[in-house]
Amino acid sequence: MEHKTVTLDQAIQRGDTTITEVQLRKPKAGEMRGLNMADVLQMDVNALTKLLPRITDLTEKEVGDMDPADLLKAGVVVVGFLMGSQQEAYLTA
């Protein structure tokens, strides 16, 4: 299973633990259930707030409290997962 790590600009505090990195795993179809694929690809905040807790160790509240720059970084990783290698190669050519 594919994983990528995002280093956070603004750490997330969980009790005594400070989270400075978040590991995202490529979502499976079931983890996309109930989400609009177009919304996820457009990095819609509501869609990411629902998807990220399914593919990270973060809670929905922690995702909602993320710095916008960190949410954007995580969204870019998610879109990369969903694009597949052919589309990614086309976009980077």
PDB file of N, CA and C in Angstrom:
ATOM      1  N   MET A   1       0.844  -1.178   0.000  1.00  0.00           N
ATOM      2  CA  MET A   1       0.000   0.000   0.000  1.00  0.00           C
ATOM      3  C   MET A   1       0.893   1.245   0.000  1.00  0.00           C
ATOM      4  N   GLU A   2       0.507   2.204  -0.793  1.00  0.00           N
ATOM      5  CA  GLU A   2       1.289   3.430  -0.942  1.00  0.00           C
ATOM      6  C   GLU A   2       1.049   4.383   0.229  1.00  0.00           C
ATOM      7  N   HIS A   3       2.157   4.947   0.744  1.00  0.00           N
ATOM      8  CA  HIS A   3       2.103   5.911   1.834  1.00  0.00           C
ATOM      9  C   HIS A   3       2.965   7.117   1.487  1.00  0.00           C
ATOM     10  N   LYS A   4       2.578   8.269   1.984  1.00  0.00           N
ATOM     11  CA  LYS A   4       3.398   9.481   1.874  1.00  0.00           C
ATOM     12  C   LYS A   4       3.290  10.226   3.192  1.00  0.00           C
ATOM     13  N   THR A   5       4.361  10.915   3.553  1.00  0.00           N
ATOM     14  CA  THR A   5       4.397  11.669   4.801  1.00  0.00           C
ATOM     15  C   THR A   5       4.394  13.155   4.502  1.00  0.00           C
ATOM     16  N   VAL A   6       3.551  13.889   5.224  1.00  0.00           N
ATOM     17  CA  VAL A   6       3.490  15.345   5.130  1.00  0.00           C
ATOM     18  C   VAL A   6       4.055  15.923   6.417  1.00  0.00           C
ATOM     19  N   THR A   7       5.036  16.791   6.286  1.00  0.00           N
ATOM     20  CA  THR A   7       5.582  17.504   7.445  1.00  0.00           C
ATOM     21  C   THR A   7       4.739  18.754   7.656  1.00  0.00           C
ATOM     22  N   LEU A   8       4.214  18.905   8.856  1.00  0.00           N
ATOM     23  CA  LEU A   8       3.315  20.011   9.156  1.00  0.00           C
ATOM     24  C   LEU A   8       4.080  21.299   9.449  1.00  0.00           C
ATOM     25  N   ASP A   9       3.581  22.414   8.947  1.00  0.00           N
ATOM     26  CA  ASP A   9       4.130  23.729   9.287  1.00  0.00           C
ATOM     27  C   ASP A   9       3.724  24.109  10.715  1.00  0.00           C
ATOM     28  N   GLN A  10       2.501  23.740  11.078  1.00  0.00           N
ATOM     29  CA  GLN A  10       1.974  24.009  12.416  1.00  0.00           C
ATOM     30  C   GLN A  10       1.642  22.668  13.068  1.00  0.00           C
ATOM     31  N   ALA A  11       2.378  22.338  14.097  1.00  0.00           N
ATOM     32  CA  ALA A  11       2.172  21.058  14.785  1.00  0.00           C
ATOM     33  C   ALA A  11       0.766  20.975  15.374  1.00  0.00           C
ATOM     34  N   ILE A  12       0.292  19.758  15.516  1.00  0.00           N
ATOM     35  CA  ILE A  12      -1.003  19.482  16.137  1.00  0.00           C
ATOM     36  C   ILE A  12      -0.724  18.930  17.529  1.00  0.00           C
ATOM     37  N   GLN A  13      -1.377  19.488  18.521  1.00  0.00           N
ATOM     38  CA  GLN A  13      -1.192  19.032  19.894  1.00  0.00           C
ATOM     39  C   GLN A  13      -2.301  18.054  20.253  1.00  0.00           C
ATOM     40  N   ARG A  14      -1.913  16.852  20.688  1.00  0.00           N
ATOM     41  CA  ARG A  14      -2.868  15.833  21.134  1.00  0.00           C
ATOM     42  C   ARG A  14      -2.441  15.427  22.534  1.00  0.00           C
ATOM     43  N   GLY A  15      -3.046  16.050  23.535  1.00  0.00           N
ATOM     44  CA  GLY A  15      -2.648  15.792  24.918  1.00  0.00           C
ATOM     45  C   GLY A  15      -1.200  16.195  25.109  1.00  0.00           C
ATOM     46  N   ASP A  16      -0.366  15.249  25.549  1.00  0.00           N
ATOM     47  CA  ASP A  16       1.060  15.523  25.741  1.00  0.00           C
ATOM     48  C   ASP A  16       1.877  15.286  24.476  1.00  0.00           C
ATOM     49  N   THR A  17       1.223  14.839  23.416  1.00  0.00           N
ATOM     50  CA  THR A  17       1.917  14.500  22.178  1.00  0.00           C
ATOM     51  C   THR A  17       1.820  15.642  21.178  1.00  0.00           C
ATOM     52  N   THR A  18       2.959  15.971  20.576  1.00  0.00           N
ATOM     53  CA  THR A  18       2.996  16.968  19.514  1.00  0.00           C
ATOM     54  C   THR A  18       3.198  16.240  18.192  1.00  0.00           C
ATOM     55  N   ILE A  19       2.249  16.422  17.279  1.00  0.00           N
ATOM     56  CA  ILE A  19       2.296  15.764  15.974  1.00  0.00           C
ATOM     57  C   ILE A  19       2.896  16.737  14.972  1.00  0.00           C
ATOM     58  N   THR A  20       4.046  16.364  14.401  1.00  0.00           N
ATOM     59  CA  THR A  20       4.730  17.239  13.443  1.00  0.00           C
ATOM     60  C   THR A  20       4.697  16.670  12.024  1.00  0.00           C
ATOM     61  N   GLU A  21       4.316  15.402  11.910  1.00  0.00           N
ATOM     62  CA  GLU A  21       4.203  14.750  10.606  1.00  0.00           C
ATOM     63  C   GLU A  21       2.935  13.917  10.578  1.00  0.00           C
ATOM     64  N   VAL A  22       2.363  13.816   9.400  1.00  0.00           N
ATOM     65  CA  VAL A  22       1.172  12.985   9.212  1.00  0.00           C
ATOM     66  C   VAL A  22       1.446  12.049   8.046  1.00  0.00           C
ATOM     67  N   GLN A  23       1.242  10.761   8.276  1.00  0.00           N
ATOM     68  CA  GLN A  23       1.405   9.784   7.208  1.00  0.00           C
ATOM     69  C   GLN A  23       0.039   9.511   6.582  1.00  0.00           C
ATOM     70  N   LEU A  24      -0.028   9.683   5.264  1.00  0.00           N
ATOM     71  CA  LEU A  24      -1.253   9.422   4.518  1.00  0.00           C
ATOM     72  C   LEU A  24      -1.060   8.140   3.732  1.00  0.00           C
ATOM     73  N   ARG A  25      -2.107   7.331   3.660  1.00  0.00           N
ATOM     74  CA  ARG A  25      -2.061   6.146   2.824  1.00  0.00           C
ATOM     75  C   ARG A  25      -3.076   6.302   1.699  1.00  0.00           C
ATOM     76  N   LYS A  26      -2.753   5.704   0.576  1.00  0.00           N
ATOM     77  CA  LYS A  26      -3.635   5.792  -0.585  1.00  0.00           C
ATOM     78  C   LYS A  26      -5.002   5.231  -0.213  1.00  0.00           C
ATOM     79  N   PRO A  27      -6.074   6.002  -0.438  1.00  0.00           N
ATOM     80  CA  PRO A  27      -7.402   5.513  -0.046  1.00  0.00           C
ATOM     81  C   PRO A  27      -7.878   4.373  -0.940  1.00  0.00           C
ATOM     82  N   LYS A  28      -8.625   3.482  -0.327  1.00  0.00           N
ATOM     83  CA  LYS A  28      -9.309   2.420  -1.066  1.00  0.00           C
ATOM     84  C   LYS A  28     -10.703   2.935  -1.416  1.00  0.00           C
ATOM     85  N   ALA A  29     -11.354   2.260  -2.328  1.00  0.00           N
ATOM     86  CA  ALA A  29     -12.676   2.700  -2.782  1.00  0.00           C
ATOM     87  C   ALA A  29     -13.654   2.847  -1.619  1.00  0.00           C
ATOM     88  N   GLY A  30     -13.616   1.931  -0.667  1.00  0.00           N
ATOM     89  CA  GLY A  30     -14.538   1.997   0.468  1.00  0.00           C
ATOM     90  C   GLY A  30     -14.332   3.227   1.329  1.00  0.00           C
ATOM     91  N   GLU A  31     -13.105   3.713   1.385  1.00  0.00           N
ATOM     92  CA  GLU A  31     -12.826   4.912   2.175  1.00  0.00           C
ATOM     93  C   GLU A  31     -13.306   6.180   1.472  1.00  0.00           C
ATOM     94  N   MET A  32     -13.630   6.046   0.196  1.00  0.00           N
ATOM     95  CA  MET A  32     -14.169   7.181  -0.571  1.00  0.00           C
ATOM     96  C   MET A  32     -15.703   7.217  -0.510  1.00  0.00           C
ATOM     97  N   ARG A  33     -16.290   6.177   0.080  1.00  0.00           N
ATOM     98  CA  ARG A  33     -17.744   6.060   0.137  1.00  0.00           C
ATOM     99  C   ARG A  33     -18.359   7.302   0.775  1.00  0.00           C
ATOM    100  N   GLY A  34     -19.401   7.813   0.140  1.00  0.00           N
ATOM    101  CA  GLY A  34     -20.108   8.973   0.663  1.00  0.00           C
ATOM    102  C   GLY A  34     -19.480  10.300   0.279  1.00  0.00           C
ATOM    103  N   LEU A  35     -18.377  10.250  -0.453  1.00  0.00           N
ATOM    104  CA  LEU A  35     -17.702  11.476  -0.877  1.00  0.00           C
ATOM    105  C   LEU A  35     -17.860  11.645  -2.388  1.00  0.00           C
ATOM    106  N   ASN A  36     -17.917  12.876  -2.831  1.00  0.00           N
ATOM    107  CA  ASN A  36     -17.965  13.181  -4.248  1.00  0.00           C
ATOM    108  C   ASN A  36     -16.529  13.248  -4.748  1.00  0.00           C
ATOM    109  N   MET A  37     -16.179  12.406  -5.717  1.00  0.00           N
ATOM    110  CA  MET A  37     -14.813  12.348  -6.227  1.00  0.00           C
ATOM    111  C   MET A  37     -14.352  13.709  -6.743  1.00  0.00           C
ATOM    112  N   ALA A  38     -15.231  14.449  -7.407  1.00  0.00           N
ATOM    113  CA  ALA A  38     -14.867  15.769  -7.918  1.00  0.00           C
ATOM    114  C   ALA A  38     -14.507  16.705  -6.766  1.00  0.00           C
ATOM    115  N   ASP A  39     -15.245  16.620  -5.658  1.00  0.00           N
ATOM    116  CA  ASP A  39     -14.947  17.459  -4.494  1.00  0.00           C
ATOM    117  C   ASP A  39     -13.572  17.129  -3.927  1.00  0.00           C
ATOM    118  N   VAL A  40     -13.243  15.851  -3.862  1.00  0.00           N
ATOM    119  CA  VAL A  40     -11.939  15.441  -3.344  1.00  0.00           C
ATOM    120  C   VAL A  40     -10.843  15.957  -4.273  1.00  0.00           C
ATOM    121  N   LEU A  41     -11.026  15.779  -5.588  1.00  0.00           N
ATOM    122  CA  LEU A  41     -10.020  16.222  -6.555  1.00  0.00           C
ATOM    123  C   LEU A  41      -9.851  17.740  -6.558  1.00  0.00           C
ATOM    124  N   GLN A  42     -10.915  18.468  -6.207  1.00  0.00           N
ATOM    125  CA  GLN A  42     -10.830  19.929  -6.115  1.00  0.00           C
ATOM    126  C   GLN A  42     -10.355  20.376  -4.736  1.00  0.00           C
ATOM    127  N   MET A  43      -9.995  19.410  -3.891  1.00  0.00           N
ATOM    128  CA  MET A  43      -9.504  19.655  -2.540  1.00  0.00           C
ATOM    129  C   MET A  43     -10.500  20.478  -1.717  1.00  0.00           C
ATOM    130  N   ASP A  44     -11.776  20.141  -1.881  1.00  0.00           N
ATOM    131  CA  ASP A  44     -12.837  20.768  -1.094  1.00  0.00           C
ATOM    132  C   ASP A  44     -12.580  20.487   0.382  1.00  0.00           C
ATOM    133  N   VAL A  45     -12.639  21.523   1.201  1.00  0.00           N
ATOM    134  CA  VAL A  45     -12.329  21.394   2.623  1.00  0.00           C
ATOM    135  C   VAL A  45     -13.226  20.368   3.300  1.00  0.00           C
ATOM    136  N   ASN A  46     -14.517  20.386   3.004  1.00  0.00           N
ATOM    137  CA  ASN A  46     -15.434  19.429   3.633  1.00  0.00           C
ATOM    138  C   ASN A  46     -15.089  17.990   3.246  1.00  0.00           C
ATOM    139  N   ALA A  47     -14.756  17.766   1.982  1.00  0.00           N
ATOM    140  CA  ALA A  47     -14.405  16.422   1.529  1.00  0.00           C
ATOM    141  C   ALA A  47     -13.106  15.957   2.189  1.00  0.00           C
ATOM    142  N   LEU A  48     -12.106  16.828   2.251  1.00  0.00           N
ATOM    143  CA  LEU A  48     -10.840  16.455   2.883  1.00  0.00           C
ATOM    144  C   LEU A  48     -11.018  16.200   4.378  1.00  0.00           C
ATOM    145  N   THR A  49     -11.875  16.992   5.013  1.00  0.00           N
ATOM    146  CA  THR A  49     -12.112  16.825   6.446  1.00  0.00           C
ATOM    147  C   THR A  49     -12.739  15.463   6.744  1.00  0.00           C
ATOM    148  N   LYS A  50     -13.503  14.929   5.794  1.00  0.00           N
ATOM    149  CA  LYS A  50     -14.093  13.599   5.973  1.00  0.00           C
ATOM    150  C   LYS A  50     -13.126  12.491   5.571  1.00  0.00           C
ATOM    151  N   LEU A  51     -12.333  12.718   4.512  1.00  0.00           N
ATOM    152  CA  LEU A  51     -11.453  11.670   4.004  1.00  0.00           C
ATOM    153  C   LEU A  51     -10.185  11.501   4.838  1.00  0.00           C
ATOM    154  N   LEU A  52      -9.550  12.589   5.239  1.00  0.00           N
ATOM    155  CA  LEU A  52      -8.259  12.476   5.919  1.00  0.00           C
ATOM    156  C   LEU A  52      -8.302  11.621   7.189  1.00  0.00           C
ATOM    157  N   PRO A  53      -9.329  11.703   8.029  1.00  0.00           N
ATOM    158  CA  PRO A  53      -9.356  10.802   9.195  1.00  0.00           C
ATOM    159  C   PRO A  53      -9.437   9.316   8.804  1.00  0.00           C
ATOM    160  N   ARG A  54      -9.904   9.029   7.609  1.00  0.00           N
ATOM    161  CA  ARG A  54     -10.010   7.647   7.152  1.00  0.00           C
ATOM    162  C   ARG A  54      -8.660   7.101   6.664  1.00  0.00           C
ATOM    163  N   ILE A  55      -7.744   8.002   6.288  1.00  0.00           N
ATOM    164  CA  ILE A  55      -6.473   7.551   5.701  1.00  0.00           C
ATOM    165  C   ILE A  55      -5.257   8.049   6.491  1.00  0.00           C
ATOM    166  N   THR A  56      -5.487   8.604   7.672  1.00  0.00           N
ATOM    167  CA  THR A  56      -4.418   9.049   8.570  1.00  0.00           C
ATOM    168  C   THR A  56      -4.789   8.621   9.990  1.00  0.00           C
ATOM    169  N   ASP A  57      -3.943   8.991  10.937  1.00  0.00           N
ATOM    170  CA  ASP A  57      -4.247   8.744  12.348  1.00  0.00           C
ATOM    171  C   ASP A  57      -4.914   9.949  13.005  1.00  0.00           C
ATOM    172  N   LEU A  58      -5.267  10.963  12.214  1.00  0.00           N
ATOM    173  CA  LEU A  58      -5.888  12.162  12.767  1.00  0.00           C
ATOM    174  C   LEU A  58      -7.390  11.983  12.924  1.00  0.00           C
ATOM    175  N   THR A  59      -7.956  12.713  13.885  1.00  0.00           N
ATOM    176  CA  THR A  59      -9.407  12.736  14.054  1.00  0.00           C
ATOM    177  C   THR A  59      -9.988  13.820  13.144  1.00  0.00           C
ATOM    178  N   GLU A  60     -11.297  13.792  12.963  1.00  0.00           N
ATOM    179  CA  GLU A  60     -11.951  14.822  12.156  1.00  0.00           C
ATOM    180  C   GLU A  60     -11.740  16.207  12.774  1.00  0.00           C
ATOM    181  N   LYS A  61     -11.777  16.295  14.100  1.00  0.00           N
ATOM    182  CA  LYS A  61     -11.553  17.580  14.765  1.00  0.00           C
ATOM    183  C   LYS A  61     -10.127  18.079  14.524  1.00  0.00           C
ATOM    184  N   GLU A  62      -9.155  17.174  14.592  1.00  0.00           N
ATOM    185  CA  GLU A  62      -7.764  17.566  14.356  1.00  0.00           C
ATOM    186  C   GLU A  62      -7.570  18.045  12.918  1.00  0.00           C
ATOM    187  N   VAL A  63      -8.207  17.375  11.982  1.00  0.00           N
ATOM    188  CA  VAL A  63      -8.127  17.817  10.585  1.00  0.00           C
ATOM    189  C   VAL A  63      -8.766  19.198  10.455  1.00  0.00           C
ATOM    190  N   GLY A  64      -9.905  19.401  11.107  1.00  0.00           N
ATOM    191  CA  GLY A  64     -10.579  20.695  11.059  1.00  0.00           C
ATOM    192  C   GLY A  64      -9.774  21.815  11.684  1.00  0.00           C
ATOM    193  N   ASP A  65      -8.897  21.474  12.610  1.00  0.00           N
ATOM    194  CA  ASP A  65      -8.055  22.475  13.278  1.00  0.00           C
ATOM    195  C   ASP A  65      -6.711  22.673  12.588  1.00  0.00           C
ATOM    196  N   MET A  66      -6.465  21.943  11.492  1.00  0.00           N
ATOM    197  CA  MET A  66      -5.181  22.060  10.795  1.00  0.00           C
ATOM    198  C   MET A  66      -4.989  23.451  10.217  1.00  0.00           C
ATOM    199  N   ASP A  67      -3.727  23.853  10.146  1.00  0.00           N
ATOM    200  CA  ASP A  67      -3.369  25.082   9.441  1.00  0.00           C
ATOM    201  C   ASP A  67      -3.758  24.900   7.970  1.00  0.00           C
ATOM    202  N   PRO A  68      -4.320  25.920   7.329  1.00  0.00           N
ATOM    203  CA  PRO A  68      -4.733  25.778   5.929  1.00  0.00           C
ATOM    204  C   PRO A  68      -3.602  25.327   4.999  1.00  0.00           C
ATOM    205  N   ALA A  69      -2.382  25.781   5.250  1.00  0.00           N
ATOM    206  CA  ALA A  69      -1.254  25.355   4.407  1.00  0.00           C
ATOM    207  C   ALA A  69      -1.007  23.856   4.548  1.00  0.00           C
ATOM    208  N   ASP A  70      -1.160  23.329   5.754  1.00  0.00           N
ATOM    209  CA  ASP A  70      -0.972  21.893   5.974  1.00  0.00           C
ATOM    210  C   ASP A  70      -2.102  21.089   5.339  1.00  0.00           C
ATOM    211  N   LEU A  71      -3.322  21.603   5.412  1.00  0.00           N
ATOM    212  CA  LEU A  71      -4.455  20.942   4.762  1.00  0.00           C
ATOM    213  C   LEU A  71      -4.235  20.903   3.253  1.00  0.00           C
ATOM    214  N   LEU A  72      -3.726  21.982   2.699  1.00  0.00           N
ATOM    215  CA  LEU A  72      -3.438  22.029   1.268  1.00  0.00           C
ATOM    216  C   LEU A  72      -2.375  21.003   0.894  1.00  0.00           C
ATOM    217  N   LYS A  73      -1.313  20.901   1.688  1.00  0.00           N
ATOM    218  CA  LYS A  73      -0.265  19.907   1.416  1.00  0.00           C
ATOM    219  C   LYS A  73      -0.841  18.497   1.429  1.00  0.00           C
ATOM    220  N   ALA A  74      -1.683  18.201   2.414  1.00  0.00           N
ATOM    221  CA  ALA A  74      -2.303  16.879   2.494  1.00  0.00           C
ATOM    222  C   ALA A  74      -3.225  16.653   1.293  1.00  0.00           C
ATOM    223  N   GLY A  75      -3.949  17.681   0.893  1.00  0.00           N
ATOM    224  CA  GLY A  75      -4.838  17.575  -0.266  1.00  0.00           C
ATOM    225  C   GLY A  75      -4.081  17.278  -1.549  1.00  0.00           C
ATOM    226  N   VAL A  76      -2.918  17.897  -1.708  1.00  0.00           N
ATOM    227  CA  VAL A  76      -2.097  17.647  -2.895  1.00  0.00           C
ATOM    228  C   VAL A  76      -1.661  16.187  -2.933  1.00  0.00           C
ATOM    229  N   VAL A  77      -1.310  15.627  -1.782  1.00  0.00           N
ATOM    230  CA  VAL A  77      -0.916  14.217  -1.718  1.00  0.00           C
ATOM    231  C   VAL A  77      -2.103  13.331  -2.098  1.00  0.00           C
ATOM    232  N   VAL A  78      -3.278  13.633  -1.566  1.00  0.00           N
ATOM    233  CA  VAL A  78      -4.477  12.842  -1.873  1.00  0.00           C
ATOM    234  C   VAL A  78      -4.756  12.873  -3.375  1.00  0.00           C
ATOM    235  N   VAL A  79      -4.717  14.052  -3.976  1.00  0.00           N
ATOM    236  CA  VAL A  79      -4.969  14.163  -5.419  1.00  0.00           C
ATOM    237  C   VAL A  79      -3.934  13.351  -6.194  1.00  0.00           C
ATOM    238  N   GLY A  80      -2.688  13.392  -5.753  1.00  0.00           N
ATOM    239  CA  GLY A  80      -1.651  12.589  -6.393  1.00  0.00           C
ATOM    240  C   GLY A  80      -1.948  11.104  -6.328  1.00  0.00           C
ATOM    241  N   PHE A  81      -2.449  10.653  -5.181  1.00  0.00           N
ATOM    242  CA  PHE A  81      -2.836   9.249  -5.049  1.00  0.00           C
ATOM    243  C   PHE A  81      -3.916   8.878  -6.064  1.00  0.00           C
ATOM    244  N   LEU A  82      -4.876   9.769  -6.260  1.00  0.00           N
ATOM    245  CA  LEU A  82      -6.048   9.459  -7.079  1.00  0.00           C
ATOM    246  C   LEU A  82      -5.804   9.626  -8.571  1.00  0.00           C
ATOM    247  N   MET A  83      -4.808  10.410  -8.940  1.00  0.00           N
ATOM    248  CA  MET A  83      -4.572  10.676 -10.357  1.00  0.00           C
ATOM    249  C   MET A  83      -4.048   9.472 -11.101  1.00  0.00           C
ATOM    250  N   GLY A  84      -3.251   8.644 -10.466  1.00  0.00           N
ATOM    251  CA  GLY A  84      -2.648   7.512 -11.151  1.00  0.00           C
ATOM    252  C   GLY A  84      -1.429   7.957 -11.941  1.00  0.00           C
ATOM    253  N   SER A  85      -0.608   7.024 -12.311  1.00  0.00           N
ATOM    254  CA  SER A  85       0.677   7.346 -12.928  1.00  0.00           C
ATOM    255  C   SER A  85       0.552   7.977 -14.307  1.00  0.00           C
ATOM    256  N   GLN A  86      -0.411   7.550 -15.127  1.00  0.00           N
ATOM    257  CA  GLN A  86      -0.538   8.111 -16.470  1.00  0.00           C
ATOM    258  C   GLN A  86      -0.937   9.574 -16.430  1.00  0.00           C
ATOM    259  N   GLN A  87      -1.933   9.921 -15.604  1.00  0.00           N
ATOM    260  CA  GLN A  87      -2.366  11.313 -15.510  1.00  0.00           C
ATOM    261  C   GLN A  87      -1.284  12.175 -14.897  1.00  0.00           C
ATOM    262  N   GLU A  88      -0.582  11.645 -13.884  1.00  0.00           N
ATOM    263  CA  GLU A  88       0.481  12.387 -13.241  1.00  0.00           C
ATOM    264  C   GLU A  88       1.597  12.685 -14.234  1.00  0.00           C
ATOM    265  N   ALA A  89       1.964  11.706 -15.045  1.00  0.00           N
ATOM    266  CA  ALA A  89       3.008  11.901 -16.054  1.00  0.00           C
ATOM    267  C   ALA A  89       2.560  12.951 -17.069  1.00  0.00           C
ATOM    268  N   TYR A  90       1.299  12.930 -17.449  1.00  0.00           N
ATOM    269  CA  TYR A  90       0.758  13.907 -18.403  1.00  0.00           C
ATOM    270  C   TYR A  90       0.831  15.324 -17.835  1.00  0.00           C
ATOM    271  N   LEU A  91       0.473  15.475 -16.562  1.00  0.00           N
ATOM    272  CA  LEU A  91       0.462  16.799 -15.948  1.00  0.00           C
ATOM    273  C   LEU A  91       1.854  17.350 -15.687  1.00  0.00           C
ATOM    274  N   THR A  92       2.837  16.476 -15.484  1.00  0.00           N
ATOM    275  CA  THR A  92       4.189  16.955 -15.189  1.00  0.00           C
ATOM    276  C   THR A  92       5.045  17.064 -16.441  1.00  0.00           C
ATOM    277  N   ALA A  93       4.505  16.675 -17.603  1.00  0.00           N
ATOM    278  CA  ALA A  93       5.275  16.735 -18.858  1.00  0.00           C
ATOM    279  C   ALA A  93       5.370  18.147 -19.380  1.00  0.00           C
TER     280      ALA A  93
END
